[in-house]
């Protein structure tokens, strides 16, 4: 996966993040949900994926798209409520 600074990615906690740095194996950035940082993930093992601006906004407002993922996030961690 080719992630570079300025891209938006979904981290392993399902936060859309603005990438501020990346190597061949790792990516780190700032959460577009709560501003937390650094949001660091291993590109191969964390399930990182690139997002469009529209996808990032949808996740911020309604939570992750996958119903199984949505159900797996505890109530206290649901930023969209």
PDB file of N, CA and C in Angstrom:
ATOM      1  N   UNK A   1       0.857  -1.177   0.000  1.00  0.00           N
ATOM      2  CA  UNK A   1       0.000   0.000   0.000  1.00  0.00           C
ATOM      3  C   UNK A   1       0.896   1.232   0.000  1.00  0.00           C
ATOM      4  N   UNK A   2       0.553   2.187  -0.784  1.00  0.00           N
ATOM      5  CA  UNK A   2       1.350   3.401  -0.908  1.00  0.00           C
ATOM      6  C   UNK A   2       0.629   4.557  -0.220  1.00  0.00           C
ATOM      7  N   UNK A   3       0.866   4.730   1.087  1.00  0.00           N
ATOM      8  CA  UNK A   3       0.288   5.850   1.837  1.00  0.00           C
ATOM      9  C   UNK A   3       1.366   6.913   1.987  1.00  0.00           C
ATOM     10  N   UNK A   4       0.964   8.157   1.791  1.00  0.00           N
ATOM     11  CA  UNK A   4       1.917   9.259   1.901  1.00  0.00           C
ATOM     12  C   UNK A   4       1.287  10.403   2.696  1.00  0.00           C
ATOM     13  N   UNK A   5       2.115  11.301   3.237  1.00  0.00           N
ATOM     14  CA  UNK A   5       1.576  12.441   3.966  1.00  0.00           C
ATOM     15  C   UNK A   5       0.536  13.190   3.123  1.00  0.00           C
ATOM     16  N   UNK A   6      -0.565  13.533   3.805  1.00  0.00           N
ATOM     17  CA  UNK A   6      -1.676  14.206   3.138  1.00  0.00           C
ATOM     18  C   UNK A   6      -2.820  13.270   2.808  1.00  0.00           C
ATOM     19  N   UNK A   7      -2.553  11.951   2.750  1.00  0.00           N
ATOM     20  CA  UNK A   7      -3.611  10.972   2.504  1.00  0.00           C
ATOM     21  C   UNK A   7      -4.468  10.812   3.760  1.00  0.00           C
ATOM     22  N   UNK A   8      -5.678  10.331   3.576  1.00  0.00           N
ATOM     23  CA  UNK A   8      -6.556   9.997   4.690  1.00  0.00           C
ATOM     24  C   UNK A   8      -6.654   8.483   4.743  1.00  0.00           C
ATOM     25  N   UNK A   9      -6.439   7.923   5.929  1.00  0.00           N
ATOM     26  CA  UNK A   9      -6.496   6.473   6.095  1.00  0.00           C
ATOM     27  C   UNK A   9      -7.351   6.130   7.308  1.00  0.00           C
ATOM     28  N   UNK A  10      -7.821   4.895   7.366  1.00  0.00           N
ATOM     29  CA  UNK A  10      -8.544   4.391   8.528  1.00  0.00           C
ATOM     30  C   UNK A  10      -7.570   3.554   9.340  1.00  0.00           C
ATOM     31  N   UNK A  11      -7.414   3.886  10.630  1.00  0.00           N
ATOM     32  CA  UNK A  11      -6.482   3.136  11.468  1.00  0.00           C
ATOM     33  C   UNK A  11      -7.161   1.908  12.065  1.00  0.00           C
ATOM     34  N   UNK A  12      -6.439   1.168  12.894  1.00  0.00           N
ATOM     35  CA  UNK A  12      -6.976  -0.079  13.438  1.00  0.00           C
ATOM     36  C   UNK A  12      -8.062   0.140  14.480  1.00  0.00           C
ATOM     37  N   UNK A  13      -8.271   1.384  14.916  1.00  0.00           N
ATOM     38  CA  UNK A  13      -9.386   1.711  15.816  1.00  0.00           C
ATOM     39  C   UNK A  13     -10.536   2.339  15.034  1.00  0.00           C
ATOM     40  N   UNK A  14     -10.467   2.256  13.700  1.00  0.00           N
ATOM     41  CA  UNK A  14     -11.503   2.727  12.786  1.00  0.00           C
ATOM     42  C   UNK A  14     -11.661   4.245  12.768  1.00  0.00           C
ATOM     43  N   UNK A  15     -10.630   4.967  13.212  1.00  0.00           N
ATOM     44  CA  UNK A  15     -10.640   6.424  13.099  1.00  0.00           C
ATOM     45  C   UNK A  15     -10.122   6.814  11.719  1.00  0.00           C
ATOM     46  N   UNK A  16     -10.805   7.707  11.035  1.00  0.00           N
ATOM     47  CA  UNK A  16     -10.197   8.296   9.842  1.00  0.00           C
ATOM     48  C   UNK A  16      -9.081   9.233  10.324  1.00  0.00           C
ATOM     49  N   UNK A  17      -7.923   9.136   9.697  1.00  0.00           N
ATOM     50  CA  UNK A  17      -6.754   9.903  10.133  1.00  0.00           C
ATOM     51  C   UNK A  17      -6.094  10.584   8.941  1.00  0.00           C
ATOM     52  N   UNK A  18      -5.525  11.756   9.207  1.00  0.00           N
ATOM     53  CA  UNK A  18      -4.710  12.443   8.218  1.00  0.00           C
ATOM     54  C   UNK A  18      -3.283  11.960   8.397  1.00  0.00           C
ATOM     55  N   UNK A  19      -2.709  11.380   7.362  1.00  0.00           N
ATOM     56  CA  UNK A  19      -1.341  10.868   7.419  1.00  0.00           C
ATOM     57  C   UNK A  19      -0.359  12.030   7.479  1.00  0.00           C
ATOM     58  N   UNK A  20       0.566  11.956   8.451  1.00  0.00           N
ATOM     59  CA  UNK A  20       1.649  12.936   8.527  1.00  0.00           C
ATOM     60  C   UNK A  20       3.008  12.299   8.281  1.00  0.00           C
ATOM     61  N   UNK A  21       3.043  10.961   8.236  1.00  0.00           N
ATOM     62  CA  UNK A  21       4.291  10.264   7.950  1.00  0.00           C
ATOM     63  C   UNK A  21       4.052   8.793   7.681  1.00  0.00           C
ATOM     64  N   UNK A  22       4.931   8.209   6.879  1.00  0.00           N
ATOM     65  CA  UNK A  22       4.790   6.790   6.552  1.00  0.00           C
ATOM     66  C   UNK A  22       6.134   6.241   6.094  1.00  0.00           C
ATOM     67  N   UNK A  23       6.302   4.955   6.380  1.00  0.00           N
ATOM     68  CA  UNK A  23       7.425   4.204   5.830  1.00  0.00           C
ATOM     69  C   UNK A  23       6.806   3.050   5.052  1.00  0.00           C
ATOM     70  N   UNK A  24       7.635   2.150   4.595  1.00  0.00           N
ATOM     71  CA  UNK A  24       7.140   0.980   3.880  1.00  0.00           C
ATOM     72  C   UNK A  24       6.244   0.123   4.777  1.00  0.00           C
ATOM     73  N   UNK A  25       6.466   0.175   6.099  1.00  0.00           N
ATOM     74  CA  UNK A  25       5.766  -0.713   7.029  1.00  0.00           C
ATOM     75  C   UNK A  25       4.815  -0.009   7.993  1.00  0.00           C
ATOM     76  N   UNK A  26       5.022   1.264   8.266  1.00  0.00           N
ATOM     77  CA  UNK A  26       4.240   1.973   9.283  1.00  0.00           C
ATOM     78  C   UNK A  26       3.652   3.258   8.735  1.00  0.00           C
ATOM     79  N   UNK A  27       2.543   3.669   9.367  1.00  0.00           N
ATOM     80  CA  UNK A  27       1.913   4.943   9.038  1.00  0.00           C
ATOM     81  C   UNK A  27       1.530   5.607  10.353  1.00  0.00           C
ATOM     82  N   UNK A  28       1.606   6.941  10.410  1.00  0.00           N
ATOM     83  CA  UNK A  28       1.170   7.658  11.593  1.00  0.00           C
ATOM     84  C   UNK A  28       0.534   8.961  11.159  1.00  0.00           C
ATOM     85  N   UNK A  29      -0.415   9.412  12.001  1.00  0.00           N
ATOM     86  CA  UNK A  29      -1.134  10.615  11.648  1.00  0.00           C
ATOM     87  C   UNK A  29      -1.949  11.150  12.809  1.00  0.00           C
ATOM     88  N   UNK A  30      -2.938  11.983  12.462  1.00  0.00           N
ATOM     89  CA  UNK A  30      -3.803  12.654  13.423  1.00  0.00           C
ATOM     90  C   UNK A  30      -5.238  12.206  13.162  1.00  0.00           C
ATOM     91  N   UNK A  31      -5.940  11.813  14.240  1.00  0.00           N
ATOM     92  CA  UNK A  31      -7.327  11.393  14.114  1.00  0.00           C
ATOM     93  C   UNK A  31      -8.209  12.560  13.679  1.00  0.00           C
ATOM     94  N   UNK A  32      -9.071  12.314  12.702  1.00  0.00           N
ATOM     95  CA  UNK A  32     -10.045  13.318  12.286  1.00  0.00           C
ATOM     96  C   UNK A  32     -11.316  13.225  13.134  1.00  0.00           C
ATOM     97  N   UNK A  33     -11.319  12.311  14.101  1.00  0.00           N
ATOM     98  CA  UNK A  33     -12.437  12.185  15.047  1.00  0.00           C
ATOM     99  C   UNK A  33     -12.193  13.096  16.252  1.00  0.00           C
ATOM    100  N   UNK A  34     -11.041  12.948  16.895  1.00  0.00           N
ATOM    101  CA  UNK A  34     -10.816  13.668  18.150  1.00  0.00           C
ATOM    102  C   UNK A  34      -9.472  14.396  18.230  1.00  0.00           C
ATOM    103  N   UNK A  35      -8.714  14.396  17.154  1.00  0.00           N
ATOM    104  CA  UNK A  35      -7.431  15.096  17.134  1.00  0.00           C
ATOM    105  C   UNK A  35      -6.303  14.364  17.837  1.00  0.00           C
ATOM    106  N   UNK A  36      -6.556  13.147  18.326  1.00  0.00           N
ATOM    107  CA  UNK A  36      -5.499  12.412  19.016  1.00  0.00           C
ATOM    108  C   UNK A  36      -4.389  12.053  18.029  1.00  0.00           C
ATOM    109  N   UNK A  37      -3.167  12.001  18.582  1.00  0.00           N
ATOM    110  CA  UNK A  37      -2.001  11.704  17.757  1.00  0.00           C
ATOM    111  C   UNK A  37      -0.826  11.347  18.629  1.00  0.00           C
ATOM    112  N   UNK A  38       0.131  10.616  18.152  1.00  0.00           N
ATOM    113  CA  UNK A  38       0.154  10.026  16.817  1.00  0.00           C
ATOM    114  C   UNK A  38      -0.696   8.758  16.773  1.00  0.00           C
ATOM    115  N   UNK A  39      -1.435   8.599  15.706  1.00  0.00           N
ATOM    116  CA  UNK A  39      -2.235   7.395  15.452  1.00  0.00           C
ATOM    117  C   UNK A  39      -1.368   6.514  14.564  1.00  0.00           C
ATOM    118  N   UNK A  40      -0.633   5.581  15.168  1.00  0.00           N
ATOM    119  CA  UNK A  40       0.351   4.759  14.459  1.00  0.00           C
ATOM    120  C   UNK A  40      -0.175   3.357  14.214  1.00  0.00           C
ATOM    121  N   UNK A  41       0.077   2.843  13.023  1.00  0.00           N
ATOM    122  CA  UNK A  41      -0.345   1.488  12.660  1.00  0.00           C
ATOM    123  C   UNK A  41       0.710   0.830  11.786  1.00  0.00           C
ATOM    124  N   UNK A  42       0.779  -0.490  11.895  1.00  0.00           N
ATOM    125  CA  UNK A  42       1.564  -1.304  10.987  1.00  0.00           C
ATOM    126  C   UNK A  42       0.709  -1.517   9.741  1.00  0.00           C
ATOM    127  N   UNK A  43       1.205  -1.135   8.602  1.00  0.00           N
ATOM    128  CA  UNK A  43       0.415  -1.191   7.375  1.00  0.00           C
ATOM    129  C   UNK A  43      -0.030  -2.605   7.040  1.00  0.00           C
ATOM    130  N   UNK A  44       0.824  -3.599   7.259  1.00  0.00           N
ATOM    131  CA  UNK A  44       0.473  -4.974   6.896  1.00  0.00           C
ATOM    132  C   UNK A  44      -0.482  -5.638   7.888  1.00  0.00           C
ATOM    133  N   UNK A  45      -0.335  -5.396   9.181  1.00  0.00           N
ATOM    134  CA  UNK A  45      -1.109  -6.177  10.149  1.00  0.00           C
ATOM    135  C   UNK A  45      -2.289  -5.455  10.785  1.00  0.00           C
ATOM    136  N   UNK A  46      -2.431  -4.164  10.576  1.00  0.00           N
ATOM    137  CA  UNK A  46      -3.508  -3.419  11.245  1.00  0.00           C
ATOM    138  C   UNK A  46      -4.761  -3.227  10.392  1.00  0.00           C
ATOM    139  N   UNK A  47      -4.757  -3.627   9.153  1.00  0.00           N
ATOM    140  CA  UNK A  47      -5.942  -3.437   8.321  1.00  0.00           C
ATOM    141  C   UNK A  47      -6.141  -1.996   7.869  1.00  0.00           C
ATOM    142  N   UNK A  48      -5.051  -1.250   7.796  1.00  0.00           N
ATOM    143  CA  UNK A  48      -5.103   0.139   7.345  1.00  0.00           C
ATOM    144  C   UNK A  48      -5.658   0.189   5.925  1.00  0.00           C
ATOM    145  N   UNK A  49      -6.538   1.160   5.668  1.00  0.00           N
ATOM    146  CA  UNK A  49      -7.023   1.357   4.301  1.00  0.00           C
ATOM    147  C   UNK A  49      -7.143   2.846   4.010  1.00  0.00           C
ATOM    148  N   UNK A  50      -6.932   3.186   2.750  1.00  0.00           N
ATOM    149  CA  UNK A  50      -7.085   4.571   2.314  1.00  0.00           C
ATOM    150  C   UNK A  50      -8.566   4.922   2.258  1.00  0.00           C
ATOM    151  N   UNK A  51      -8.887   6.187   2.561  1.00  0.00           N
ATOM    152  CA  UNK A  51     -10.261   6.664   2.540  1.00  0.00           C
ATOM    153  C   UNK A  51     -10.368   7.891   1.646  1.00  0.00           C
ATOM    154  N   UNK A  52     -11.536   8.068   1.068  1.00  0.00           N
ATOM    155  CA  UNK A  52     -11.836   9.330   0.393  1.00  0.00           C
ATOM    156  C   UNK A  52     -12.307  10.319   1.459  1.00  0.00           C
ATOM    157  N   UNK A  53     -12.371  11.589   1.118  1.00  0.00           N
ATOM    158  CA  UNK A  53     -12.889  12.592   2.051  1.00  0.00           C
ATOM    159  C   UNK A  53     -14.327  12.253   2.419  1.00  0.00           C
ATOM    160  N   UNK A  54     -15.127  11.816   1.450  1.00  0.00           N
ATOM    161  CA  UNK A  54     -16.533  11.460   1.712  1.00  0.00           C
ATOM    162  C   UNK A  54     -16.637  10.282   2.675  1.00  0.00           C
ATOM    163  N   UNK A  55     -15.782   9.268   2.508  1.00  0.00           N
ATOM    164  CA  UNK A  55     -15.791   8.119   3.427  1.00  0.00           C
ATOM    165  C   UNK A  55     -15.389   8.550   4.838  1.00  0.00           C
ATOM    166  N   UNK A  56     -14.377   9.406   4.954  1.00  0.00           N
ATOM    167  CA  UNK A  56     -13.931   9.884   6.268  1.00  0.00           C
ATOM    168  C   UNK A  56     -15.061  10.637   6.963  1.00  0.00           C
ATOM    169  N   UNK A  57     -15.771  11.476   6.232  1.00  0.00           N
ATOM    170  CA  UNK A  57     -16.883  12.237   6.810  1.00  0.00           C
ATOM    171  C   UNK A  57     -18.007  11.296   7.252  1.00  0.00           C
ATOM    172  N   UNK A  58     -18.314  10.308   6.447  1.00  0.00           N
ATOM    173  CA  UNK A  58     -19.372   9.358   6.798  1.00  0.00           C
ATOM    174  C   UNK A  58     -19.010   8.608   8.081  1.00  0.00           C
ATOM    175  N   UNK A  59     -17.747   8.186   8.208  1.00  0.00           N
ATOM    176  CA  UNK A  59     -17.304   7.477   9.409  1.00  0.00           C
ATOM    177  C   UNK A  59     -17.370   8.406  10.625  1.00  0.00           C
ATOM    178  N   UNK A  60     -16.982   9.652  10.460  1.00  0.00           N
ATOM    179  CA  UNK A  60     -17.040  10.610  11.570  1.00  0.00           C
ATOM    180  C   UNK A  60     -18.475  10.799  12.045  1.00  0.00           C
ATOM    181  N   UNK A  61     -19.399  10.896  11.117  1.00  0.00           N
ATOM    182  CA  UNK A  61     -20.790  11.196  11.473  1.00  0.00           C
ATOM    183  C   UNK A  61     -21.603   9.964  11.875  1.00  0.00           C
ATOM    184  N   UNK A  62     -21.310   8.792  11.278  1.00  0.00           N
ATOM    185  CA  UNK A  62     -22.169   7.621  11.472  1.00  0.00           C
ATOM    186  C   UNK A  62     -21.435   6.382  11.961  1.00  0.00           C
ATOM    187  N   UNK A  63     -20.137   6.459  12.123  1.00  0.00           N
ATOM    188  CA  UNK A  63     -19.363   5.292  12.521  1.00  0.00           C
ATOM    189  C   UNK A  63     -18.954   4.465  11.321  1.00  0.00           C
ATOM    190  N   UNK A  64     -18.188   3.404  11.569  1.00  0.00           N
ATOM    191  CA  UNK A  64     -17.713   2.548  10.474  1.00  0.00           C
ATOM    192  C   UNK A  64     -18.868   1.937   9.670  1.00  0.00           C
ATOM    193  N   UNK A  65     -18.613   1.665   8.400  1.00  0.00           N
ATOM    194  CA  UNK A  65     -19.633   1.109   7.503  1.00  0.00           C
ATOM    195  C   UNK A  65     -19.992  -0.338   7.796  1.00  0.00           C
ATOM    196  N   UNK A  66     -19.024  -1.117   8.217  1.00  0.00           N
ATOM    197  CA  UNK A  66     -19.226  -2.553   8.428  1.00  0.00           C
ATOM    198  C   UNK A  66     -20.057  -2.787   9.691  1.00  0.00           C
ATOM    199  N   UNK A  67     -21.239  -3.429   9.567  1.00  0.00           N
ATOM    200  CA  UNK A  67     -22.099  -3.654  10.741  1.00  0.00           C
ATOM    201  C   UNK A  67     -21.423  -4.471  11.842  1.00  0.00           C
ATOM    202  N   UNK A  68     -20.561  -5.430  11.471  1.00  0.00           N
ATOM    203  CA  UNK A  68     -19.851  -6.221  12.478  1.00  0.00           C
ATOM    204  C   UNK A  68     -18.865  -5.357  13.258  1.00  0.00           C
ATOM    205  N   UNK A  69     -18.172  -4.468  12.559  1.00  0.00           N
ATOM    206  CA  UNK A  69     -17.240  -3.548  13.214  1.00  0.00           C
ATOM    207  C   UNK A  69     -18.020  -2.598  14.115  1.00  0.00           C
ATOM    208  N   UNK A  70     -19.116  -2.068  13.607  1.00  0.00           N
ATOM    209  CA  UNK A  70     -19.962  -1.154  14.376  1.00  0.00           C
ATOM    210  C   UNK A  70     -20.379  -1.798  15.694  1.00  0.00           C
ATOM    211  N   UNK A  71     -20.810  -3.040  15.632  1.00  0.00           N
ATOM    212  CA  UNK A  71     -21.271  -3.761  16.822  1.00  0.00           C
ATOM    213  C   UNK A  71     -20.131  -4.082  17.781  1.00  0.00           C
ATOM    214  N   UNK A  72     -18.901  -4.159  17.268  1.00  0.00           N
ATOM    215  CA  UNK A  72     -17.772  -4.534  18.118  1.00  0.00           C
ATOM    216  C   UNK A  72     -17.224  -3.371  18.937  1.00  0.00           C
ATOM    217  N   UNK A  73     -17.607  -2.153  18.623  1.00  0.00           N
ATOM    218  CA  UNK A  73     -17.089  -0.983  19.338  1.00  0.00           C
ATOM    219  C   UNK A  73     -17.963  -0.735  20.574  1.00  0.00           C
ATOM    220  N   UNK A  74     -17.363  -0.754  21.766  1.00  0.00           N
ATOM    221  CA  UNK A  74     -18.141  -0.546  22.991  1.00  0.00           C
ATOM    222  C   UNK A  74     -18.838   0.815  22.997  1.00  0.00           C
ATOM    223  N   UNK A  75     -19.943   0.898  23.698  1.00  0.00           N
ATOM    224  CA  UNK A  75     -20.730   2.138  23.755  1.00  0.00           C
ATOM    225  C   UNK A  75     -19.882   3.357  24.117  1.00  0.00           C
ATOM    226  N   UNK A  76     -18.973   3.205  25.077  1.00  0.00           N
ATOM    227  CA  UNK A  76     -18.143   4.326  25.513  1.00  0.00           C
ATOM    228  C   UNK A  76     -17.210   4.825  24.405  1.00  0.00           C
ATOM    229  N   UNK A  77     -16.907   3.981  23.428  1.00  0.00           N
ATOM    230  CA  UNK A  77     -16.007   4.356  22.338  1.00  0.00           C
ATOM    231  C   UNK A  77     -16.705   4.833  21.084  1.00  0.00           C
ATOM    232  N   UNK A  78     -18.022   4.949  21.125  1.00  0.00           N
ATOM    233  CA  UNK A  78     -18.787   5.356  19.927  1.00  0.00           C
ATOM    234  C   UNK A  78     -18.877   6.869  19.815  1.00  0.00           C
ATOM    235  N   UNK A  79     -17.962   7.428  19.057  1.00  0.00           N
ATOM    236  CA  UNK A  79     -17.870   8.877  18.881  1.00  0.00           C
ATOM    237  C   UNK A  79     -19.050   9.448  18.111  1.00  0.00           C
ATOM    238  N   UNK A  80     -19.756   8.647  17.373  1.00  0.00           N
ATOM    239  CA  UNK A  80     -20.827   9.150  16.510  1.00  0.00           C
ATOM    240  C   UNK A  80     -22.151   9.298  17.244  1.00  0.00           C
ATOM    241  N   UNK A  81     -22.200   9.014  18.526  1.00  0.00           N
ATOM    242  CA  UNK A  81     -23.454   9.157  19.290  1.00  0.00           C
ATOM    243  C   UNK A  81     -23.411  10.358  20.170  1.00  0.00           C
TER     244      UNK A  81
END
